[in-house]
Amino acid sequence: MTRALVIDPADPAPIWRQIEEGVRRRAASGSLPPGSVVPSVRELAKELRVNPATVAKAYQRLADAGVLVVRRGEGTYVADAPPRLPETERRRALHEGAARYATLAVSIGATRERAEEELGAVWASFERGEEKGAGR
């Protein structure tokens, strides 16, 4: 799994967030299909050379969000379906994500058209089962 999970110590995002976003990206693209097992906290921490508590935090947040499912004694798996969120919660989450993306685009001088083009390209790559969510 970790081939697509790249941790960048120079990235200002905390490492747990980089792990969380990497797993979300892989689940969204289908490269981590529903029901597939994810590495244990210890395995992933060892592979990424990070503290196990960092991986545990990312996994817990993903489980709380319904992206991962923990089966005691069996392991941690990608949820069989996207989490069912009430419409108000889904709308709030989309708004927050859109605000982060728009802020980034504006802060780097991107046009609205370019930002929309990039969003469309990433969305299309997910629909094709590719993992282009992290950049090209």
N, C-alpha and C. Protein backbone atom coordinates (compact mmCIF):
# COMPACT_ATOMS: atom_id res chain seq x y z
N MET A 1 0.81 -1.20 0.00
CA MET A 1 0.00 0.00 0.00
C MET A 1 0.85 1.26 0.00
N THR A 2 2.00 1.25 0.61
CA THR A 2 2.72 2.49 0.86
C THR A 2 3.38 3.07 -0.38
N ARG A 3 3.44 2.35 -1.48
CA ARG A 3 4.05 2.93 -2.68
C ARG A 3 3.43 4.28 -3.02
N ALA A 4 2.13 4.39 -2.87
CA ALA A 4 1.46 5.64 -3.19
C ALA A 4 1.42 6.59 -1.99
N LEU A 5 1.74 6.08 -0.81
CA LEU A 5 1.77 6.95 0.37
C LEU A 5 3.17 7.53 0.48
N VAL A 6 3.26 8.80 0.23
CA VAL A 6 4.54 9.47 0.30
C VAL A 6 4.45 10.50 1.41
N ILE A 7 5.37 10.42 2.32
CA ILE A 7 5.42 11.36 3.43
C ILE A 7 6.55 12.34 3.13
N ASP A 8 6.22 13.61 3.17
CA ASP A 8 7.20 14.66 2.90
C ASP A 8 7.44 15.45 4.18
N PRO A 9 8.59 15.23 4.82
CA PRO A 9 8.87 15.95 6.07
C PRO A 9 8.90 17.47 5.89
N ALA A 10 9.15 17.94 4.67
CA ALA A 10 9.19 19.38 4.41
C ALA A 10 7.79 19.97 4.23
N ASP A 11 6.80 19.11 4.04
CA ASP A 11 5.42 19.56 3.87
C ASP A 11 4.94 20.14 5.21
N PRO A 12 4.32 21.32 5.19
CA PRO A 12 3.85 21.88 6.46
C PRO A 12 2.69 21.10 7.08
N ALA A 13 2.02 20.26 6.28
CA ALA A 13 0.93 19.43 6.83
C ALA A 13 1.52 18.39 7.78
N PRO A 14 0.86 18.16 8.91
CA PRO A 14 1.36 17.13 9.83
C PRO A 14 1.41 15.77 9.13
N ILE A 15 2.32 14.94 9.58
CA ILE A 15 2.50 13.62 8.95
C ILE A 15 1.23 12.80 9.05
N TRP A 16 0.51 12.86 10.17
CA TRP A 16 -0.73 12.08 10.29
C TRP A 16 -1.73 12.52 9.22
N ARG A 17 -1.76 13.82 8.90
CA ARG A 17 -2.68 14.30 7.87
C ARG A 17 -2.24 13.83 6.50
N GLN A 18 -0.94 13.77 6.25
CA GLN A 18 -0.44 13.27 4.97
C GLN A 18 -0.83 11.80 4.80
N ILE A 19 -0.75 11.03 5.88
CA ILE A 19 -1.17 9.62 5.84
C ILE A 19 -2.67 9.54 5.60
N GLU A 20 -3.42 10.33 6.34
CA GLU A 20 -4.88 10.33 6.20
C GLU A 20 -5.29 10.67 4.77
N GLU A 21 -4.72 11.72 4.22
CA GLU A 21 -5.06 12.12 2.85
C GLU A 21 -4.62 11.08 1.83
N GLY A 22 -3.47 10.46 2.07
CA GLY A 22 -3.00 9.42 1.16
C GLY A 22 -3.93 8.22 1.13
N VAL A 23 -4.41 7.79 2.29
CA VAL A 23 -5.34 6.66 2.34
C VAL A 23 -6.67 7.06 1.71
N ARG A 24 -7.15 8.26 2.00
CA ARG A 24 -8.40 8.73 1.38
C ARG A 24 -8.27 8.74 -0.15
N ARG A 25 -7.15 9.24 -0.64
CA ARG A 25 -6.91 9.31 -2.07
C ARG A 25 -6.92 7.92 -2.69
N ARG A 26 -6.25 6.98 -2.04
CA ARG A 26 -6.20 5.62 -2.56
C ARG A 26 -7.57 4.96 -2.53
N ALA A 27 -8.36 5.22 -1.49
CA ALA A 27 -9.71 4.66 -1.42
C ALA A 27 -10.59 5.30 -2.50
N ALA A 28 -10.48 6.60 -2.68
CA ALA A 28 -11.30 7.30 -3.68
C ALA A 28 -10.97 6.84 -5.10
N SER A 29 -9.71 6.55 -5.35
CA SER A 29 -9.31 6.15 -6.70
C SER A 29 -9.58 4.68 -6.98
N GLY A 30 -9.85 3.92 -5.93
CA GLY A 30 -10.09 2.50 -6.11
C GLY A 30 -8.85 1.65 -6.00
N SER A 31 -7.69 2.27 -5.81
CA SER A 31 -6.48 1.46 -5.67
C SER A 31 -6.44 0.76 -4.30
N LEU A 32 -7.26 1.22 -3.39
CA LEU A 32 -7.55 0.50 -2.15
C LEU A 32 -9.03 0.18 -2.22
N PRO A 33 -9.40 -0.94 -2.80
CA PRO A 33 -10.82 -1.24 -3.00
C PRO A 33 -11.57 -1.48 -1.69
N PRO A 34 -12.88 -1.29 -1.72
CA PRO A 34 -13.69 -1.56 -0.53
C PRO A 34 -13.44 -2.98 -0.01
N GLY A 35 -13.31 -3.10 1.29
CA GLY A 35 -13.09 -4.40 1.91
C GLY A 35 -11.64 -4.83 1.97
N SER A 36 -10.75 -4.08 1.33
CA SER A 36 -9.34 -4.49 1.35
C SER A 36 -8.70 -4.13 2.69
N VAL A 37 -7.76 -4.96 3.07
CA VAL A 37 -7.06 -4.76 4.34
C VAL A 37 -6.00 -3.68 4.16
N VAL A 38 -5.81 -2.88 5.20
CA VAL A 38 -4.72 -1.91 5.20
C VAL A 38 -3.66 -2.42 6.17
N PRO A 39 -2.42 -2.01 5.98
CA PRO A 39 -1.37 -2.49 6.88
C PRO A 39 -1.67 -2.13 8.33
N SER A 40 -1.14 -2.93 9.23
CA SER A 40 -1.31 -2.61 10.65
C SER A 40 -0.59 -1.30 10.95
N VAL A 41 -0.93 -0.71 12.07
CA VAL A 41 -0.28 0.53 12.49
C VAL A 41 1.23 0.34 12.54
N ARG A 42 1.66 -0.76 13.15
CA ARG A 42 3.10 -1.01 13.28
C ARG A 42 3.77 -1.21 11.93
N GLU A 43 3.12 -1.96 11.04
CA GLU A 43 3.70 -2.20 9.71
C GLU A 43 3.86 -0.89 8.94
N LEU A 44 2.82 -0.09 8.92
CA LEU A 44 2.88 1.15 8.17
C LEU A 44 3.88 2.12 8.78
N ALA A 45 3.91 2.19 10.11
CA ALA A 45 4.87 3.06 10.78
C ALA A 45 6.30 2.66 10.43
N LYS A 46 6.54 1.37 10.40
CA LYS A 46 7.88 0.89 10.07
C LYS A 46 8.23 1.23 8.62
N GLU A 47 7.29 0.99 7.69
CA GLU A 47 7.55 1.27 6.28
C GLU A 47 7.79 2.75 6.02
N LEU A 48 7.01 3.60 6.70
CA LEU A 48 7.13 5.04 6.47
C LEU A 48 8.18 5.69 7.37
N ARG A 49 8.67 4.91 8.33
CA ARG A 49 9.65 5.39 9.30
C ARG A 49 9.11 6.57 10.10
N VAL A 50 7.92 6.34 10.66
CA VAL A 50 7.29 7.34 11.51
C VAL A 50 6.85 6.67 12.81
N ASN A 51 6.48 7.46 13.77
CA ASN A 51 6.03 6.96 15.05
C ASN A 51 4.69 6.25 14.87
N PRO A 52 4.52 5.07 15.48
CA PRO A 52 3.24 4.38 15.38
C PRO A 52 2.04 5.22 15.84
N ALA A 53 2.24 6.10 16.81
CA ALA A 53 1.14 6.96 17.27
C ALA A 53 0.66 7.88 16.15
N THR A 54 1.54 8.25 15.25
CA THR A 54 1.18 9.09 14.11
C THR A 54 0.26 8.34 13.17
N VAL A 55 0.60 7.10 12.87
CA VAL A 55 -0.25 6.27 12.01
C VAL A 55 -1.57 5.98 12.72
N ALA A 56 -1.51 5.69 14.00
CA ALA A 56 -2.72 5.40 14.76
C ALA A 56 -3.69 6.58 14.73
N LYS A 57 -3.17 7.79 14.81
CA LYS A 57 -4.03 8.98 14.76
C LYS A 57 -4.72 9.08 13.40
N ALA A 58 -3.96 8.86 12.33
CA ALA A 58 -4.55 8.93 10.98
C ALA A 58 -5.62 7.85 10.82
N TYR A 59 -5.31 6.63 11.22
CA TYR A 59 -6.27 5.53 11.11
C TYR A 59 -7.53 5.80 11.94
N GLN A 60 -7.36 6.35 13.14
CA GLN A 60 -8.52 6.64 13.99
C GLN A 60 -9.41 7.68 13.35
N ARG A 61 -8.81 8.72 12.78
CA ARG A 61 -9.60 9.75 12.11
C ARG A 61 -10.34 9.17 10.91
N LEU A 62 -9.68 8.28 10.18
CA LEU A 62 -10.31 7.65 9.02
C LEU A 62 -11.44 6.71 9.46
N ALA A 63 -11.25 6.03 10.57
CA ALA A 63 -12.31 5.16 11.10
C ALA A 63 -13.48 6.01 11.58
N ASP A 64 -13.19 7.10 12.27
CA ASP A 64 -14.25 8.00 12.74
C ASP A 64 -15.04 8.57 11.57
N ALA A 65 -14.38 8.79 10.45
CA ALA A 65 -15.03 9.35 9.26
C ALA A 65 -15.75 8.29 8.43
N GLY A 66 -15.56 7.01 8.79
CA GLY A 66 -16.23 5.94 8.06
C GLY A 66 -15.49 5.46 6.83
N VAL A 67 -14.25 5.90 6.65
CA VAL A 67 -13.44 5.46 5.51
C VAL A 67 -12.83 4.09 5.79
N LEU A 68 -12.42 3.87 7.04
CA LEU A 68 -11.87 2.58 7.45
C LEU A 68 -12.78 1.95 8.49
N VAL A 69 -12.70 0.62 8.57
CA VAL A 69 -13.46 -0.13 9.55
C VAL A 69 -12.47 -1.01 10.31
N VAL A 70 -12.52 -0.95 11.63
CA VAL A 70 -11.64 -1.78 12.46
C VAL A 70 -12.44 -2.99 12.92
N ARG A 71 -11.89 -4.16 12.63
CA ARG A 71 -12.52 -5.41 13.09
C ARG A 71 -11.58 -6.00 14.14
N ARG A 72 -12.00 -5.92 15.37
CA ARG A 72 -11.16 -6.38 16.49
C ARG A 72 -10.65 -7.80 16.23
N GLY A 73 -9.35 -7.94 16.39
CA GLY A 73 -8.73 -9.25 16.22
C GLY A 73 -8.48 -9.63 14.77
N GLU A 74 -9.00 -8.87 13.82
CA GLU A 74 -8.83 -9.19 12.40
C GLU A 74 -7.97 -8.17 11.67
N GLY A 75 -8.15 -6.90 11.99
CA GLY A 75 -7.38 -5.87 11.31
C GLY A 75 -8.24 -4.68 10.93
N THR A 76 -7.67 -3.86 10.08
CA THR A 76 -8.33 -2.65 9.63
C THR A 76 -8.56 -2.75 8.13
N TYR A 77 -9.77 -2.40 7.70
CA TYR A 77 -10.17 -2.56 6.32
C TYR A 77 -10.75 -1.27 5.76
N VAL A 78 -10.71 -1.15 4.45
CA VAL A 78 -11.41 -0.05 3.79
C VAL A 78 -12.90 -0.36 3.89
N ALA A 79 -13.69 0.64 4.24
CA ALA A 79 -15.14 0.45 4.38
C ALA A 79 -15.73 -0.04 3.06
N ASP A 80 -16.79 -0.84 3.16
CA ASP A 80 -17.43 -1.40 1.98
C ASP A 80 -18.13 -0.34 1.12
N ALA A 81 -18.47 0.78 1.72
CA ALA A 81 -19.15 1.85 0.99
C ALA A 81 -18.74 3.18 1.60
N PRO A 82 -18.84 4.26 0.84
CA PRO A 82 -18.54 5.57 1.43
C PRO A 82 -19.44 5.81 2.63
N PRO A 83 -18.96 6.58 3.58
CA PRO A 83 -19.78 6.84 4.76
C PRO A 83 -21.09 7.53 4.37
N ARG A 84 -22.15 7.15 5.05
CA ARG A 84 -23.46 7.79 4.82
C ARG A 84 -23.54 9.02 5.73
N LEU A 85 -23.51 10.14 5.09
CA LEU A 85 -23.59 11.38 5.83
C LEU A 85 -24.93 12.05 5.56
N PRO A 86 -25.49 12.68 6.57
CA PRO A 86 -26.68 13.48 6.31
C PRO A 86 -26.32 14.58 5.29
N GLU A 87 -27.29 14.99 4.52
CA GLU A 87 -27.04 15.99 3.47
C GLU A 87 -26.37 17.25 4.03
N THR A 88 -26.79 17.69 5.20
CA THR A 88 -26.19 18.90 5.78
C THR A 88 -24.71 18.69 6.10
N GLU A 89 -24.38 17.52 6.60
CA GLU A 89 -22.98 17.20 6.92
C GLU A 89 -22.15 17.08 5.64
N ARG A 90 -22.70 16.42 4.63
CA ARG A 90 -21.99 16.28 3.35
C ARG A 90 -21.74 17.66 2.74
N ARG A 91 -22.77 18.50 2.79
CA ARG A 91 -22.64 19.86 2.24
C ARG A 91 -21.58 20.64 2.99
N ARG A 92 -21.58 20.52 4.34
CA ARG A 92 -20.57 21.22 5.14
C ARG A 92 -19.17 20.76 4.79
N ALA A 93 -18.98 19.44 4.69
CA ALA A 93 -17.66 18.90 4.36
C ALA A 93 -17.20 19.34 2.98
N LEU A 94 -18.11 19.31 2.02
CA LEU A 94 -17.75 19.77 0.67
C LEU A 94 -17.40 21.25 0.67
N HIS A 95 -18.15 22.04 1.41
CA HIS A 95 -17.87 23.47 1.48
C HIS A 95 -16.49 23.72 2.08
N GLU A 96 -16.18 23.03 3.17
CA GLU A 96 -14.88 23.21 3.81
C GLU A 96 -13.74 22.81 2.88
N GLY A 97 -13.90 21.68 2.19
CA GLY A 97 -12.88 21.25 1.24
C GLY A 97 -12.73 22.22 0.09
N ALA A 98 -13.85 22.71 -0.41
CA ALA A 98 -13.82 23.67 -1.51
C ALA A 98 -13.15 24.97 -1.07
N ALA A 99 -13.42 25.39 0.14
CA ALA A 99 -12.80 26.61 0.66
C ALA A 99 -11.29 26.45 0.76
N ARG A 100 -10.84 25.28 1.23
CA ARG A 100 -9.39 25.03 1.31
C ARG A 100 -8.76 25.06 -0.08
N TYR A 101 -9.43 24.39 -1.04
CA TYR A 101 -8.91 24.32 -2.40
C TYR A 101 -8.89 25.71 -3.05
N ALA A 102 -9.98 26.47 -2.91
CA ALA A 102 -10.04 27.81 -3.50
C ALA A 102 -8.99 28.72 -2.87
N THR A 103 -8.80 28.61 -1.56
CA THR A 103 -7.78 29.41 -0.89
C THR A 103 -6.40 29.09 -1.44
N LEU A 104 -6.11 27.82 -1.61
CA LEU A 104 -4.83 27.42 -2.17
C LEU A 104 -4.67 27.98 -3.59
N ALA A 105 -5.69 27.81 -4.41
CA ALA A 105 -5.62 28.26 -5.81
C ALA A 105 -5.37 29.77 -5.87
N VAL A 106 -6.12 30.53 -5.10
CA VAL A 106 -5.96 31.98 -5.11
C VAL A 106 -4.57 32.37 -4.60
N SER A 107 -4.12 31.70 -3.54
CA SER A 107 -2.83 32.06 -2.93
C SER A 107 -1.64 31.78 -3.83
N ILE A 108 -1.80 30.88 -4.81
CA ILE A 108 -0.70 30.61 -5.73
C ILE A 108 -0.89 31.30 -7.08
N GLY A 109 -1.95 32.11 -7.17
CA GLY A 109 -2.18 32.89 -8.38
C GLY A 109 -2.86 32.15 -9.51
N ALA A 110 -3.51 31.04 -9.20
CA ALA A 110 -4.21 30.28 -10.24
C ALA A 110 -5.52 30.97 -10.59
N THR A 111 -5.93 30.84 -11.82
CA THR A 111 -7.23 31.36 -12.23
C THR A 111 -8.31 30.37 -11.81
N ARG A 112 -9.53 30.86 -11.78
CA ARG A 112 -10.66 29.97 -11.47
C ARG A 112 -10.76 28.87 -12.51
N GLU A 113 -10.55 29.24 -13.76
CA GLU A 113 -10.64 28.25 -14.84
C GLU A 113 -9.59 27.15 -14.66
N ARG A 114 -8.37 27.54 -14.31
CA ARG A 114 -7.30 26.55 -14.12
C ARG A 114 -7.61 25.65 -12.93
N ALA A 115 -8.12 26.24 -11.85
CA ALA A 115 -8.46 25.45 -10.66
C ALA A 115 -9.56 24.46 -11.00
N GLU A 116 -10.57 24.91 -11.72
CA GLU A 116 -11.66 24.01 -12.12
C GLU A 116 -11.15 22.91 -13.05
N GLU A 117 -10.23 23.25 -13.93
CA GLU A 117 -9.64 22.26 -14.84
C GLU A 117 -8.90 21.17 -14.05
N GLU A 118 -8.13 21.59 -13.06
CA GLU A 118 -7.40 20.62 -12.23
C GLU A 118 -8.35 19.73 -11.44
N LEU A 119 -9.38 20.32 -10.87
CA LEU A 119 -10.37 19.53 -10.14
C LEU A 119 -11.01 18.51 -11.06
N GLY A 120 -11.39 18.93 -12.26
CA GLY A 120 -11.99 18.01 -13.23
C GLY A 120 -11.04 16.89 -13.62
N ALA A 121 -9.76 17.21 -13.78
CA ALA A 121 -8.78 16.19 -14.16
C ALA A 121 -8.59 15.16 -13.05
N VAL A 122 -8.53 15.62 -11.82
CA VAL A 122 -8.37 14.69 -10.70
C VAL A 122 -9.61 13.84 -10.55
N TRP A 123 -10.78 14.46 -10.66
CA TRP A 123 -12.05 13.71 -10.56
C TRP A 123 -12.08 12.62 -11.63
N ALA A 124 -11.72 12.97 -12.84
CA ALA A 124 -11.73 12.00 -13.94
C ALA A 124 -10.74 10.87 -13.68
N SER A 125 -9.58 11.18 -13.10
CA SER A 125 -8.60 10.13 -12.82
C SER A 125 -9.14 9.16 -11.77
N PHE A 126 -9.89 9.67 -10.79
CA PHE A 126 -10.51 8.79 -9.80
C PHE A 126 -11.53 7.89 -10.48
N GLU A 127 -12.32 8.45 -11.38
CA GLU A 127 -13.33 7.65 -12.08
C GLU A 127 -12.68 6.56 -12.93
N ARG A 128 -11.47 6.81 -13.40
CA ARG A 128 -10.75 5.79 -14.19
C ARG A 128 -9.98 4.82 -13.29
N GLY A 129 -10.02 5.05 -11.98
CA GLY A 129 -9.32 4.16 -11.04
C GLY A 129 -7.84 4.45 -10.96
N GLU A 130 -7.45 5.65 -11.32
CA GLU A 130 -6.05 6.06 -11.26
C GLU A 130 -5.83 6.85 -9.98
N GLU A 131 -4.58 7.01 -9.63
CA GLU A 131 -4.24 7.74 -8.42
C GLU A 131 -3.54 9.03 -8.74
N LYS A 132 -4.20 9.93 -9.37
CA LYS A 132 -3.58 11.19 -9.73
C LYS A 132 -3.93 12.30 -8.74
N GLY A 133 -4.55 11.93 -7.64
CA GLY A 133 -4.99 12.94 -6.68
C GLY A 133 -3.88 13.69 -5.99
N ALA A 134 -2.66 13.13 -6.01
CA ALA A 134 -1.57 13.76 -5.29
C ALA A 134 -0.76 14.71 -6.16
N GLY A 135 -1.15 14.89 -7.38
CA GLY A 135 -0.38 15.73 -8.28
C GLY A 135 0.06 14.93 -9.46
N ARG A 136 0.66 15.63 -10.40
CA ARG A 136 1.06 14.92 -11.62
C ARG A 136 2.52 15.00 -11.86
